[in-house]
């Protein structure tokens, strides 16, 4: 699913113009992105929680050459699905449709 798909769904289900729907979708994503930049979590009830985590520096190894190297500290985005979303996925798996 893409942003364009979301715009189309809003256009069809809510009845807004495509331009208005696109403005809403862009605004939502910009707001979420700003929260990530500020290190905040984003919780979407019934869907899941996105968290920004700080990973510390660590030693790593280049898999091609075997050379050791330092992996720099960085921020990563993680997602944890809500229990409702997990239930939806499990229900699909039980039907055999998730394959």
Protein backbone atom coordinates (compact mmCIF):
# COMPACT_ATOMS: atom_id res chain seq x y z
CA UNK A 1 0.00 0.00 0.00
CA UNK A 2 1.27 3.46 -0.89
CA UNK A 3 0.38 7.03 0.08
CA UNK A 4 -1.48 7.29 -3.22
CA UNK A 5 -3.57 4.25 -2.21
CA UNK A 6 -4.43 5.94 1.10
CA UNK A 7 -5.43 9.12 -0.73
CA UNK A 8 -7.67 7.08 -3.04
CA UNK A 9 -9.34 5.30 -0.10
CA UNK A 10 -10.03 8.59 1.68
CA UNK A 11 -11.36 10.05 -1.57
CA UNK A 12 -13.75 7.12 -2.05
CA UNK A 13 -14.89 6.53 1.55
CA UNK A 14 -15.01 10.05 2.98
CA UNK A 15 -15.94 12.00 -0.13
CA UNK A 16 -13.22 14.62 0.07
CA UNK A 17 -11.52 15.80 -3.09
CA UNK A 18 -8.30 14.02 -4.01
CA UNK A 19 -6.35 17.21 -3.29
CA UNK A 20 -7.89 17.50 0.19
CA UNK A 21 -7.28 13.80 0.86
CA UNK A 22 -3.66 14.16 -0.24
CA UNK A 23 -3.20 17.18 2.03
CA UNK A 24 -4.54 15.18 4.98
CA UNK A 25 -2.33 12.16 4.29
CA UNK A 26 0.77 14.32 3.84
CA UNK A 27 -0.04 16.23 7.04
CA UNK A 28 -0.43 13.02 9.04
CA UNK A 29 2.86 11.60 7.78
CA UNK A 30 4.72 14.87 8.39
CA UNK A 31 3.36 15.00 11.96
CA UNK A 32 4.48 11.41 12.58
CA UNK A 33 7.92 12.09 11.05
CA UNK A 34 8.33 15.17 13.28
CA UNK A 35 7.56 13.04 16.35
CA UNK A 36 10.27 10.58 15.26
CA UNK A 37 12.78 13.41 14.77
CA UNK A 38 12.06 14.52 18.33
CA UNK A 39 12.53 10.95 19.62
CA UNK A 40 8.88 10.48 20.54
CA UNK A 41 6.91 7.24 20.27
CA UNK A 42 3.84 7.10 18.04
CA UNK A 43 1.02 4.86 19.26
CA UNK A 44 -1.85 4.08 16.89
CA UNK A 45 -4.54 2.40 18.96
CA UNK A 46 -5.55 -0.95 17.52
CA UNK A 47 -2.57 -0.92 15.14
CA UNK A 48 0.70 -0.68 17.05
CA UNK A 49 3.47 1.47 18.46
CA UNK A 50 6.49 2.94 16.68
CA UNK A 51 9.49 3.72 18.90
CA UNK A 52 12.76 5.50 18.19
CA UNK A 53 15.63 3.69 19.92
CA UNK A 54 19.23 4.76 20.35
CA UNK A 55 21.73 2.03 19.53
CA UNK A 56 25.21 2.38 20.93
CA UNK A 57 28.48 1.92 19.08
CA UNK A 58 29.67 -1.66 18.73
CA UNK A 59 32.25 -3.82 17.02
CA UNK A 60 31.19 -5.43 13.78
CA UNK A 61 32.67 -7.52 11.01
CA UNK A 62 32.55 -7.04 7.25
CA UNK A 63 31.00 -10.33 6.05
CA UNK A 64 32.87 -10.18 2.74
CA UNK A 65 36.39 -9.54 4.01
CA UNK A 66 36.12 -10.56 7.66
CA UNK A 67 37.70 -7.23 8.69
CA UNK A 68 36.57 -5.86 12.04
CA UNK A 69 35.11 -2.37 12.09
CA UNK A 70 33.36 0.05 14.43
CA UNK A 71 29.61 0.42 13.89
CA UNK A 72 28.67 3.98 14.83
CA UNK A 73 25.88 4.80 17.26
CA UNK A 74 22.58 5.51 15.56
CA UNK A 75 18.87 5.89 16.05
CA UNK A 76 16.57 3.17 14.73
CA UNK A 77 12.82 2.91 14.34
CA UNK A 78 11.07 -0.14 15.77
CA UNK A 79 7.45 -1.29 15.51
CA UNK A 80 5.43 -3.42 17.88
CA UNK A 81 2.01 -4.56 16.66
CA UNK A 82 -0.97 -4.20 19.00
CA UNK A 83 -2.75 -7.27 20.32
CA UNK A 84 -5.69 -6.49 17.99
CA UNK A 85 -3.39 -6.42 14.94
CA UNK A 86 -1.70 -9.64 16.04
CA UNK A 87 -5.14 -11.25 16.36
CA UNK A 88 -6.07 -10.18 12.82
CA UNK A 89 -2.85 -11.70 11.46
CA UNK A 90 -3.30 -14.90 13.46
CA UNK A 91 -6.88 -15.19 12.18
CA UNK A 92 -5.59 -14.88 8.59
CA UNK A 93 -2.88 -17.48 9.27
CA UNK A 94 -5.44 -19.87 10.72
CA UNK A 95 -7.47 -19.62 7.49
CA UNK A 96 -4.37 -20.26 5.42
CA UNK A 97 -4.66 -16.91 3.60
CA UNK A 98 -1.41 -15.46 4.95
CA UNK A 99 0.76 -17.66 2.77
